[in-house]
Amino acid sequence: METRSVEGKYDTLLSLKSKVSNLQGHNDELRSVLREVRYEATKAKVDLEKAVSKVEMLDGELKALKQAGAGAFFQTMTLPDGMSVTSSDIIASLNEHLILVLQVSKG
């Protein structure tokens, strides 16, 4: 009877140690995931702050250009469906050059 009591306590102790070890493993895994999520959240926040800063800077530049009246803003025309990207790039470049030449000739 005494051996059963000792063996029972021993089995219970091993069972509890096993459960604690298992829980510690889960806890470590959760800590690792939490660390990774915090890192990704911080990275996303920094990227967002950079993007907002850039948008604010570009918005300020646009307002300054509009107030100064510098440069003519033009609306791009839609190109035919069959036209390749390189053709549209060439047309856009020629349009920009034409606008610059017109501005120089006026000024």
PDB file of N, CA and C in Angstrom:
ATOM      1  N   MET A   1       0.815  -1.173   0.000  1.00  0.00           N
ATOM      2  CA  MET A   1       0.000   0.000   0.000  1.00  0.00           C
ATOM      3  C   MET A   1       0.871   1.253   0.000  1.00  0.00           C
ATOM      4  N   GLU A   2       1.941   1.194   0.736  1.00  0.00           N
ATOM      5  CA  GLU A   2       2.839   2.343   0.767  1.00  0.00           C
ATOM      6  C   GLU A   2       3.493   2.554  -0.594  1.00  0.00           C
ATOM      7  N   THR A   3       3.771   1.463  -1.301  1.00  0.00           N
ATOM      8  CA  THR A   3       4.382   1.608  -2.623  1.00  0.00           C
ATOM      9  C   THR A   3       3.412   2.242  -3.605  1.00  0.00           C
ATOM     10  N   ARG A   4       2.140   1.920  -3.515  1.00  0.00           N
ATOM     11  CA  ARG A   4       1.154   2.553  -4.385  1.00  0.00           C
ATOM     12  C   ARG A   4       1.096   4.053  -4.128  1.00  0.00           C
ATOM     13  N   SER A   5       1.154   4.417  -2.903  1.00  0.00           N
ATOM     14  CA  SER A   5       1.089   5.826  -2.540  1.00  0.00           C
ATOM     15  C   SER A   5       2.294   6.564  -3.100  1.00  0.00           C
ATOM     16  N   VAL A   6       3.449   5.984  -2.972  1.00  0.00           N
ATOM     17  CA  VAL A   6       4.665   6.604  -3.481  1.00  0.00           C
ATOM     18  C   VAL A   6       4.634   6.641  -5.007  1.00  0.00           C
ATOM     19  N   GLU A   7       4.229   5.524  -5.623  1.00  0.00           N
ATOM     20  CA  GLU A   7       4.158   5.482  -7.085  1.00  0.00           C
ATOM     21  C   GLU A   7       3.115   6.457  -7.609  1.00  0.00           C
ATOM     22  N   GLY A   8       2.010   6.594  -6.935  1.00  0.00           N
ATOM     23  CA  GLY A   8       0.953   7.521  -7.341  1.00  0.00           C
ATOM     24  C   GLY A   8       1.440   8.952  -7.304  1.00  0.00           C
ATOM     25  N   LYS A   9       2.172   9.299  -6.257  1.00  0.00           N
ATOM     26  CA  LYS A   9       2.708  10.655  -6.153  1.00  0.00           C
ATOM     27  C   LYS A   9       3.744  10.899  -7.243  1.00  0.00           C
ATOM     28  N   TYR A  10       4.541   9.860  -7.516  1.00  0.00           N
ATOM     29  CA  TYR A  10       5.572   9.973  -8.536  1.00  0.00           C
ATOM     30  C   TYR A  10       4.938  10.173  -9.911  1.00  0.00           C
ATOM     31  N   ASP A  11       3.910   9.371 -10.218  1.00  0.00           N
ATOM     32  CA  ASP A  11       3.217   9.498 -11.504  1.00  0.00           C
ATOM     33  C   ASP A  11       2.552  10.867 -11.634  1.00  0.00           C
ATOM     34  N   THR A  12       1.942  11.323 -10.555  1.00  0.00           N
ATOM     35  CA  THR A  12       1.292  12.629 -10.569  1.00  0.00           C
ATOM     36  C   THR A  12       2.324  13.728 -10.784  1.00  0.00           C
ATOM     37  N   LEU A  13       3.458  13.602 -10.122  1.00  0.00           N
ATOM     38  CA  LEU A  13       4.518  14.589 -10.263  1.00  0.00           C
ATOM     39  C   LEU A  13       5.037  14.628 -11.700  1.00  0.00           C
ATOM     40  N   LEU A  14       5.268  13.459 -12.290  1.00  0.00           N
ATOM     41  CA  LEU A  14       5.727  13.402 -13.684  1.00  0.00           C
ATOM     42  C   LEU A  14       4.679  13.986 -14.627  1.00  0.00           C
ATOM     43  N   SER A  15       3.428  13.683 -14.371  1.00  0.00           N
ATOM     44  CA  SER A  15       2.349  14.199 -15.207  1.00  0.00           C
ATOM     45  C   SER A  15       2.290  15.721 -15.126  1.00  0.00           C
ATOM     46  N   LEU A  16       2.400  16.257 -13.925  1.00  0.00           N
ATOM     47  CA  LEU A  16       2.367  17.706 -13.746  1.00  0.00           C
ATOM     48  C   LEU A  16       3.584  18.374 -14.391  1.00  0.00           C
ATOM     49  N   LYS A  17       4.757  17.759 -14.237  1.00  0.00           N
ATOM     50  CA  LYS A  17       5.961  18.307 -14.864  1.00  0.00           C
ATOM     51  C   LYS A  17       5.821  18.316 -16.387  1.00  0.00           C
ATOM     52  N   SER A  18       5.238  17.269 -16.924  1.00  0.00           N
ATOM     53  CA  SER A  18       5.030  17.181 -18.366  1.00  0.00           C
ATOM     54  C   SER A  18       4.080  18.280 -18.842  1.00  0.00           C
ATOM     55  N   LYS A  19       3.005  18.487 -18.088  1.00  0.00           N
ATOM     56  CA  LYS A  19       2.039  19.530 -18.454  1.00  0.00           C
ATOM     57  C   LYS A  19       2.665  20.923 -18.360  1.00  0.00           C
ATOM     58  N   VAL A  20       3.451  21.159 -17.318  1.00  0.00           N
ATOM     59  CA  VAL A  20       4.126  22.451 -17.163  1.00  0.00           C
ATOM     60  C   VAL A  20       5.096  22.676 -18.318  1.00  0.00           C
ATOM     61  N   SER A  21       5.843  21.644 -18.673  1.00  0.00           N
ATOM     62  CA  SER A  21       6.790  21.752 -19.780  1.00  0.00           C
ATOM     63  C   SER A  21       6.055  22.055 -21.086  1.00  0.00           C
ATOM     64  N   ASN A  22       4.937  21.388 -21.301  1.00  0.00           N
ATOM     65  CA  ASN A  22       4.126  21.609 -22.497  1.00  0.00           C
ATOM     66  C   ASN A  22       3.607  23.044 -22.532  1.00  0.00           C
ATOM     67  N   LEU A  23       3.117  23.527 -21.398  1.00  0.00           N
ATOM     68  CA  LEU A  23       2.614  24.894 -21.322  1.00  0.00           C
ATOM     69  C   LEU A  23       3.730  25.917 -21.525  1.00  0.00           C
ATOM     70  N   GLN A  24       4.911  25.624 -21.010  1.00  0.00           N
ATOM     71  CA  GLN A  24       6.041  26.528 -21.221  1.00  0.00           C
ATOM     72  C   GLN A  24       6.408  26.599 -22.702  1.00  0.00           C
ATOM     73  N   GLY A  25       6.319  25.459 -23.384  1.00  0.00           N
ATOM     74  CA  GLY A  25       6.583  25.441 -24.825  1.00  0.00           C
ATOM     75  C   GLY A  25       5.588  26.303 -25.587  1.00  0.00           C
ATOM     76  N   HIS A  26       4.317  26.171 -25.235  1.00  0.00           N
ATOM     77  CA  HIS A  26       3.290  27.003 -25.869  1.00  0.00           C
ATOM     78  C   HIS A  26       3.515  28.475 -25.551  1.00  0.00           C
ATOM     79  N   ASN A  27       3.880  28.756 -24.319  1.00  0.00           N
ATOM     80  CA  ASN A  27       4.129  30.132 -23.895  1.00  0.00           C
ATOM     81  C   ASN A  27       5.292  30.738 -24.687  1.00  0.00           C
ATOM     82  N   ASP A  28       6.362  29.978 -24.850  1.00  0.00           N
ATOM     83  CA  ASP A  28       7.512  30.455 -25.629  1.00  0.00           C
ATOM     84  C   ASP A  28       7.123  30.715 -27.084  1.00  0.00           C
ATOM     85  N   GLU A  29       6.307  29.816 -27.643  1.00  0.00           N
ATOM     86  CA  GLU A  29       5.856  29.984 -29.021  1.00  0.00           C
ATOM     87  C   GLU A  29       5.000  31.247 -29.158  1.00  0.00           C
ATOM     88  N   LEU A  30       4.109  31.472 -28.206  1.00  0.00           N
ATOM     89  CA  LEU A  30       3.265  32.670 -28.232  1.00  0.00           C
ATOM     90  C   LEU A  30       4.098  33.939 -28.088  1.00  0.00           C
ATOM     91  N   ARG A  31       5.128  33.889 -27.251  1.00  0.00           N
ATOM     92  CA  ARG A  31       6.014  35.047 -27.107  1.00  0.00           C
ATOM     93  C   ARG A  31       6.710  35.359 -28.427  1.00  0.00           C
ATOM     94  N   SER A  32       7.149  34.312 -29.102  1.00  0.00           N
ATOM     95  CA  SER A  32       7.828  34.489 -30.382  1.00  0.00           C
ATOM     96  C   SER A  32       6.883  35.107 -31.414  1.00  0.00           C
ATOM     97  N   VAL A  33       5.666  34.610 -31.475  1.00  0.00           N
ATOM     98  CA  VAL A  33       4.681  35.153 -32.412  1.00  0.00           C
ATOM     99  C   VAL A  33       4.368  36.604 -32.065  1.00  0.00           C
ATOM    100  N   LEU A  34       4.216  36.898 -30.785  1.00  0.00           N
ATOM    101  CA  LEU A  34       3.934  38.262 -30.343  1.00  0.00           C
ATOM    102  C   LEU A  34       5.070  39.202 -30.732  1.00  0.00           C
ATOM    103  N   ARG A  35       6.304  38.764 -30.545  1.00  0.00           N
ATOM    104  CA  ARG A  35       7.467  39.563 -30.908  1.00  0.00           C
ATOM    105  C   ARG A  35       7.457  39.866 -32.409  1.00  0.00           C
ATOM    106  N   GLU A  36       7.148  38.843 -33.212  1.00  0.00           N
ATOM    107  CA  GLU A  36       7.121  39.015 -34.664  1.00  0.00           C
ATOM    108  C   GLU A  36       5.997  39.965 -35.086  1.00  0.00           C
ATOM    109  N   VAL A  37       4.835  39.830 -34.470  1.00  0.00           N
ATOM    110  CA  VAL A  37       3.703  40.702 -34.798  1.00  0.00           C
ATOM    111  C   VAL A  37       4.017  42.144 -34.411  1.00  0.00           C
ATOM    112  N   ARG A  38       4.638  42.334 -33.268  1.00  0.00           N
ATOM    113  CA  ARG A  38       5.013  43.692 -32.852  1.00  0.00           C
ATOM    114  C   ARG A  38       6.011  44.305 -33.825  1.00  0.00           C
ATOM    115  N   TYR A  39       6.969  43.499 -34.283  1.00  0.00           N
ATOM    116  CA  TYR A  39       7.956  43.982 -35.247  1.00  0.00           C
ATOM    117  C   TYR A  39       7.268  44.403 -36.543  1.00  0.00           C
ATOM    118  N   GLU A  40       6.376  43.553 -37.051  1.00  0.00           N
ATOM    119  CA  GLU A  40       5.670  43.864 -38.292  1.00  0.00           C
ATOM    120  C   GLU A  40       4.793  45.101 -38.130  1.00  0.00           C
ATOM    121  N   ALA A  41       4.153  45.243 -36.966  1.00  0.00           N
ATOM    122  CA  ALA A  41       3.304  46.413 -36.718  1.00  0.00           C
ATOM    123  C   ALA A  41       4.145  47.687 -36.678  1.00  0.00           C
ATOM    124  N   THR A  42       5.296  47.616 -36.046  1.00  0.00           N
ATOM    125  CA  THR A  42       6.182  48.780 -35.983  1.00  0.00           C
ATOM    126  C   THR A  42       6.680  49.145 -37.378  1.00  0.00           C
ATOM    127  N   LYS A  43       7.033  48.139 -38.150  1.00  0.00           N
ATOM    128  CA  LYS A  43       7.502  48.371 -39.516  1.00  0.00           C
ATOM    129  C   LYS A  43       6.390  49.004 -40.361  1.00  0.00           C
ATOM    130  N   ALA A  44       5.171  48.503 -40.228  1.00  0.00           N
ATOM    131  CA  ALA A  44       4.045  49.059 -40.982  1.00  0.00           C
ATOM    132  C   ALA A  44       3.768  50.500 -40.559  1.00  0.00           C
ATOM    133  N   LYS A  45       3.908  50.781 -39.275  1.00  0.00           N
ATOM    134  CA  LYS A  45       3.675  52.143 -38.779  1.00  0.00           C
ATOM    135  C   LYS A  45       4.717  53.101 -39.351  1.00  0.00           C
ATOM    136  N   VAL A  46       5.968  52.676 -39.374  1.00  0.00           N
ATOM    137  CA  VAL A  46       7.037  53.517 -39.923  1.00  0.00           C
ATOM    138  C   VAL A  46       6.804  53.760 -41.415  1.00  0.00           C
ATOM    139  N   ASP A  47       6.420  52.703 -42.148  1.00  0.00           N
ATOM    140  CA  ASP A  47       6.145  52.859 -43.575  1.00  0.00           C
ATOM    141  C   ASP A  47       4.976  53.814 -43.807  1.00  0.00           C
ATOM    142  N   LEU A  48       3.951  53.705 -42.977  1.00  0.00           N
ATOM    143  CA  LEU A  48       2.800  54.600 -43.092  1.00  0.00           C
ATOM    144  C   LEU A  48       3.201  56.044 -42.818  1.00  0.00           C
ATOM    145  N   GLU A  49       4.010  56.255 -41.788  1.00  0.00           N
ATOM    146  CA  GLU A  49       4.460  57.614 -41.466  1.00  0.00           C
ATOM    147  C   GLU A  49       5.283  58.208 -42.607  1.00  0.00           C
ATOM    148  N   LYS A  50       6.132  57.382 -43.233  1.00  0.00           N
ATOM    149  CA  LYS A  50       6.920  57.854 -44.374  1.00  0.00           C
ATOM    150  C   LYS A  50       6.005  58.232 -45.533  1.00  0.00           C
ATOM    151  N   ALA A  51       5.006  57.395 -45.796  1.00  0.00           N
ATOM    152  CA  ALA A  51       4.090  57.663 -46.902  1.00  0.00           C
ATOM    153  C   ALA A  51       3.278  58.928 -46.647  1.00  0.00           C
ATOM    154  N   VAL A  52       2.800  59.102 -45.426  1.00  0.00           N
ATOM    155  CA  VAL A  52       2.030  60.303 -45.085  1.00  0.00           C
ATOM    156  C   VAL A  52       2.903  61.541 -45.223  1.00  0.00           C
ATOM    157  N   SER A  53       4.145  61.439 -44.767  1.00  0.00           N
ATOM    158  CA  SER A  53       5.072  62.562 -44.877  1.00  0.00           C
ATOM    159  C   SER A  53       5.319  62.925 -46.339  1.00  0.00           C
ATOM    160  N   LYS A  54       5.498  61.920 -47.180  1.00  0.00           N
ATOM    161  CA  LYS A  54       5.745  62.169 -48.600  1.00  0.00           C
ATOM    162  C   LYS A  54       4.516  62.803 -49.252  1.00  0.00           C
ATOM    163  N   VAL A  55       3.324  62.311 -48.903  1.00  0.00           N
ATOM    164  CA  VAL A  55       2.098  62.884 -49.460  1.00  0.00           C
ATOM    165  C   VAL A  55       1.954  64.343 -49.041  1.00  0.00           C
ATOM    166  N   GLU A  56       2.237  64.632 -47.775  1.00  0.00           N
ATOM    167  CA  GLU A  56       2.151  66.014 -47.295  1.00  0.00           C
ATOM    168  C   GLU A  56       3.156  66.911 -48.014  1.00  0.00           C
ATOM    169  N   MET A  57       4.366  66.399 -48.237  1.00  0.00           N
ATOM    170  CA  MET A  57       5.386  67.175 -48.935  1.00  0.00           C
ATOM    171  C   MET A  57       4.955  67.453 -50.374  1.00  0.00           C
ATOM    172  N   LEU A  58       4.468  66.418 -51.062  1.00  0.00           N
ATOM    173  CA  LEU A  58       4.035  66.602 -52.441  1.00  0.00           C
ATOM    174  C   LEU A  58       2.819  67.518 -52.530  1.00  0.00           C
ATOM    175  N   ASP A  59       1.927  67.416 -51.571  1.00  0.00           N
ATOM    176  CA  ASP A  59       0.759  68.298 -51.538  1.00  0.00           C
ATOM    177  C   ASP A  59       1.191  69.752 -51.356  1.00  0.00           C
ATOM    178  N   GLY A  60       2.166  69.973 -50.485  1.00  0.00           N
ATOM    179  CA  GLY A  60       2.696  71.323 -50.284  1.00  0.00           C
ATOM    180  C   GLY A  60       3.347  71.863 -51.541  1.00  0.00           C
ATOM    181  N   GLU A  61       4.110  71.022 -52.223  1.00  0.00           N
ATOM    182  CA  GLU A  61       4.748  71.446 -53.472  1.00  0.00           C
ATOM    183  C   GLU A  61       3.702  71.787 -54.528  1.00  0.00           C
ATOM    184  N   LEU A  62       2.659  70.987 -54.605  1.00  0.00           N
ATOM    185  CA  LEU A  62       1.595  71.232 -55.577  1.00  0.00           C
ATOM    186  C   LEU A  62       0.885  72.546 -55.292  1.00  0.00           C
ATOM    187  N   LYS A  63       0.600  72.810 -54.030  1.00  0.00           N
ATOM    188  CA  LYS A  63      -0.045  74.075 -53.660  1.00  0.00           C
ATOM    189  C   LYS A  63       0.856  75.260 -53.990  1.00  0.00           C
ATOM    190  N   ALA A  64       2.145  75.107 -53.720  1.00  0.00           N
ATOM    191  CA  ALA A  64       3.087  76.190 -54.018  1.00  0.00           C
ATOM    192  C   ALA A  64       3.153  76.449 -55.518  1.00  0.00           C
ATOM    193  N   LEU A  65       3.156  75.393 -56.314  1.00  0.00           N
ATOM    194  CA  LEU A  65       3.181  75.561 -57.770  1.00  0.00           C
ATOM    195  C   LEU A  65       1.899  76.209 -58.276  1.00  0.00           C
ATOM    196  N   LYS A  66       0.774  75.820 -57.703  1.00  0.00           N
ATOM    197  CA  LYS A  66      -0.493  76.420 -58.129  1.00  0.00           C
ATOM    198  C   LYS A  66      -0.540  77.900 -57.767  1.00  0.00           C
ATOM    199  N   GLN A  67      -0.035  78.251 -56.596  1.00  0.00           N
ATOM    200  CA  GLN A  67      -0.034  79.648 -56.168  1.00  0.00           C
ATOM    201  C   GLN A  67       0.914  80.482 -57.023  1.00  0.00           C
ATOM    202  N   ALA A  68       2.031  79.901 -57.391  1.00  0.00           N
ATOM    203  CA  ALA A  68       3.010  80.623 -58.202  1.00  0.00           C
ATOM    204  C   ALA A  68       2.572  80.700 -59.661  1.00  0.00           C
ATOM    205  N   GLY A  69       1.631  79.848 -60.038  1.00  0.00           N
ATOM    206  CA  GLY A  69       1.171  79.836 -61.424  1.00  0.00           C
ATOM    207  C   GLY A  69       2.185  79.227 -62.360  1.00  0.00           C
ATOM    208  N   ALA A  70       3.139  78.538 -61.821  1.00  0.00           N
ATOM    209  CA  ALA A  70       4.193  77.949 -62.644  1.00  0.00           C
ATOM    210  C   ALA A  70       3.699  76.655 -63.254  1.00  0.00           C
ATOM    211  N   GLY A  71       3.990  76.495 -64.505  1.00  0.00           N
ATOM    212  CA  GLY A  71       3.690  75.240 -65.177  1.00  0.00           C
ATOM    213  C   GLY A  71       2.217  75.090 -65.491  1.00  0.00           C
ATOM    214  N   ALA A  72       1.945  74.582 -66.627  1.00  0.00           N
ATOM    215  CA  ALA A  72       0.568  74.334 -67.019  1.00  0.00           C
ATOM    216  C   ALA A  72       0.252  72.877 -66.740  1.00  0.00           C
ATOM    217  N   PHE A  73      -0.835  72.670 -66.075  1.00  0.00           N
ATOM    218  CA  PHE A  73      -1.249  71.299 -65.820  1.00  0.00           C
ATOM    219  C   PHE A  73      -2.109  70.851 -66.990  1.00  0.00           C
ATOM    220  N   PHE A  74      -1.775  69.737 -67.551  1.00  0.00           N
ATOM    221  CA  PHE A  74      -2.527  69.262 -68.694  1.00  0.00           C
ATOM    222  C   PHE A  74      -3.101  67.891 -68.390  1.00  0.00           C
ATOM    223  N   GLN A  75      -4.198  67.619 -69.056  1.00  0.00           N
ATOM    224  CA  GLN A  75      -4.852  66.337 -68.863  1.00  0.00           C
ATOM    225  C   GLN A  75      -4.378  65.406 -69.964  1.00  0.00           C
ATOM    226  N   THR A  76      -3.979  64.231 -69.578  1.00  0.00           N
ATOM    227  CA  THR A  76      -3.488  63.291 -70.574  1.00  0.00           C
ATOM    228  C   THR A  76      -4.655  62.736 -71.373  1.00  0.00           C
ATOM    229  N   MET A  77      -4.386  62.451 -72.616  1.00  0.00           N
ATOM    230  CA  MET A  77      -5.415  61.888 -73.486  1.00  0.00           C
ATOM    231  C   MET A  77      -5.331  60.374 -73.424  1.00  0.00           C
ATOM    232  N   THR A  78      -6.470  59.737 -73.594  1.00  0.00           N
ATOM    233  CA  THR A  78      -6.466  58.275 -73.619  1.00  0.00           C
ATOM    234  C   THR A  78      -5.915  57.814 -74.955  1.00  0.00           C
ATOM    235  N   LEU A  79      -5.132  56.769 -74.906  1.00  0.00           N
ATOM    236  CA  LEU A  79      -4.494  56.244 -76.109  1.00  0.00           C
ATOM    237  C   LEU A  79      -5.302  55.073 -76.648  1.00  0.00           C
ATOM    238  N   PRO A  80      -5.176  54.787 -77.924  1.00  0.00           N
ATOM    239  CA  PRO A  80      -5.886  53.628 -78.493  1.00  0.00           C
ATOM    240  C   PRO A  80      -5.458  52.337 -77.804  1.00  0.00           C
ATOM    241  N   ASP A  81      -6.371  51.363 -77.808  1.00  0.00           N
ATOM    242  CA  ASP A  81      -6.126  50.105 -77.101  1.00  0.00           C
ATOM    243  C   ASP A  81      -4.927  49.335 -77.634  1.00  0.00           C
ATOM    244  N   GLY A  82      -4.697  49.354 -78.913  1.00  0.00           N
ATOM    245  CA  GLY A  82      -3.623  48.560 -79.494  1.00  0.00           C
ATOM    246  C   GLY A  82      -2.240  49.171 -79.350  1.00  0.00           C
ATOM    247  N   MET A  83      -2.142  50.362 -78.779  1.00  0.00           N
ATOM    248  CA  MET A  83      -0.861  51.056 -78.694  1.00  0.00           C
ATOM    249  C   MET A  83      -0.011  50.452 -77.572  1.00  0.00           C
ATOM    250  N   SER A  84       1.251  50.219 -77.862  1.00  0.00           N
ATOM    251  CA  SER A  84       2.125  49.605 -76.867  1.00  0.00           C
ATOM    252  C   SER A  84       2.571  50.625 -75.830  1.00  0.00           C
ATOM    253  N   VAL A  85       3.126  50.110 -74.733  1.00  0.00           N
ATOM    254  CA  VAL A  85       3.578  50.976 -73.644  1.00  0.00           C
ATOM    255  C   VAL A  85       4.684  51.914 -74.119  1.00  0.00           C
ATOM    256  N   THR A  86       5.573  51.406 -74.936  1.00  0.00           N
ATOM    257  CA  THR A  86       6.667  52.256 -75.395  1.00  0.00           C
ATOM    258  C   THR A  86       6.138  53.404 -76.247  1.00  0.00           C
ATOM    259  N   SER A  87       5.104  53.145 -77.034  1.00  0.00           N
ATOM    260  CA  SER A  87       4.511  54.215 -77.839  1.00  0.00           C
ATOM    261  C   SER A  87       3.891  55.270 -76.945  1.00  0.00           C
ATOM    262  N   SER A  88       3.192  54.832 -75.908  1.00  0.00           N
ATOM    263  CA  SER A  88       2.569  55.801 -74.999  1.00  0.00           C
ATOM    264  C   SER A  88       3.632  56.586 -74.247  1.00  0.00           C
ATOM    265  N   ASP A  89       4.749  55.947 -73.915  1.00  0.00           N
ATOM    266  CA  ASP A  89       5.848  56.658 -73.252  1.00  0.00           C
ATOM    267  C   ASP A  89       6.435  57.730 -74.167  1.00  0.00           C
ATOM    268  N   ILE A  90       6.587  57.401 -75.426  1.00  0.00           N
ATOM    269  CA  ILE A  90       7.134  58.360 -76.392  1.00  0.00           C
ATOM    270  C   ILE A  90       6.190  59.544 -76.547  1.00  0.00           C
ATOM    271  N   ILE A  91       4.895  59.257 -76.659  1.00  0.00           N
ATOM    272  CA  ILE A  91       3.918  60.339 -76.810  1.00  0.00           C
ATOM    273  C   ILE A  91       3.905  61.226 -75.572  1.00  0.00           C
ATOM    274  N   ALA A  92       3.956  60.627 -74.385  1.00  0.00           N
ATOM    275  CA  ALA A  92       3.971  61.413 -73.147  1.00  0.00           C
ATOM    276  C   ALA A  92       5.216  62.284 -73.079  1.00  0.00           C
ATOM    277  N   SER A  93       6.349  61.732 -73.474  1.00  0.00           N
ATOM    278  CA  SER A  93       7.596  62.494 -73.464  1.00  0.00           C
ATOM    279  C   SER A  93       7.528  63.662 -74.446  1.00  0.00           C
ATOM    280  N   LEU A  94       6.981  63.418 -75.629  1.00  0.00           N
ATOM    281  CA  LEU A  94       6.842  64.489 -76.617  1.00  0.00           C
ATOM    282  C   LEU A  94       5.876  65.565 -76.136  1.00  0.00           C
ATOM    283  N   ASN A  95       4.805  65.170 -75.481  1.00  0.00           N
ATOM    284  CA  ASN A  95       3.861  66.147 -74.929  1.00  0.00           C
ATOM    285  C   ASN A  95       4.532  67.027 -73.883  1.00  0.00           C
ATOM    286  N   GLU A  96       5.317  66.422 -73.003  1.00  0.00           N
ATOM    287  CA  GLU A  96       6.026  67.192 -71.979  1.00  0.00           C
ATOM    288  C   GLU A  96       7.003  68.171 -72.626  1.00  0.00           C
ATOM    289  N   HIS A  97       7.722  67.705 -73.631  1.00  0.00           N
ATOM    290  CA  HIS A  97       8.678  68.562 -74.326  1.00  0.00           C
ATOM    291  C   HIS A  97       7.961  69.724 -75.013  1.00  0.00           C
ATOM    292  N   LEU A  98       6.823  69.443 -75.635  1.00  0.00           N
ATOM    293  CA  LEU A  98       6.043  70.484 -76.300  1.00  0.00           C
ATOM    294  C   LEU A  98       5.574  71.540 -75.305  1.00  0.00           C
ATOM    295  N   ILE A  99       5.123  71.114 -74.154  1.00  0.00           N
ATOM    296  CA  ILE A  99       4.667  72.060 -73.129  1.00  0.00           C
ATOM    297  C   ILE A  99       5.825  72.927 -72.656  1.00  0.00           C
ATOM    298  N   LEU A 100       6.991  72.337 -72.440  1.00  0.00           N
ATOM    299  CA  LEU A 100       8.161  73.117 -72.027  1.00  0.00           C
ATOM    300  C   LEU A 100       8.541  74.146 -73.086  1.00  0.00           C
ATOM    301  N   VAL A 101       8.507  73.752 -74.347  1.00  0.00           N
ATOM    302  CA  VAL A 101       8.851  74.673 -75.431  1.00  0.00           C
ATOM    303  C   VAL A 101       7.845  75.813 -75.491  1.00  0.00           C
ATOM    304  N   LEU A 102       6.569  75.503 -75.318  1.00  0.00           N
ATOM    305  CA  LEU A 102       5.540  76.547 -75.328  1.00  0.00           C
ATOM    306  C   LEU A 102       5.717  77.509 -74.156  1.00  0.00           C
ATOM    307  N   GLN A 103       6.075  76.989 -72.995  1.00  0.00           N
ATOM    308  CA  GLN A 103       6.293  77.846 -71.828  1.00  0.00           C
ATOM    309  C   GLN A 103       7.488  78.762 -72.045  1.00  0.00           C
ATOM    310  N   VAL A 104       8.552  78.233 -72.633  1.00  0.00           N
ATOM    311  CA  VAL A 104       9.745  79.039 -72.892  1.00  0.00           C
ATOM    312  C   VAL A 104       9.427  80.118 -73.923  1.00  0.00           C
ATOM    313  N   SER A 105       8.656  79.771 -74.938  1.00  0.00           N
ATOM    314  CA  SER A 105       8.346  80.755 -75.981  1.00  0.00           C
ATOM    315  C   SER A 105       7.441  81.865 -75.453  1.00  0.00           C
ATOM    316  N   LYS A 106       6.592  81.575 -74.473  1.00  0.00           N
ATOM    317  CA  LYS A 106       5.734  82.596 -73.865  1.00  0.00           C
ATOM    318  C   LYS A 106       6.540  83.501 -72.945  1.00  0.00           C
ATOM    319  N   GLY A 107       7.491  82.926 -72.261  1.00  0.00           N
ATOM    320  CA  GLY A 107       8.222  83.645 -71.225  1.00  0.00           C
ATOM    321  C   GLY A 107       9.352  84.396 -71.754  1.00  0.00           C
TER     322      GLY A 107
END
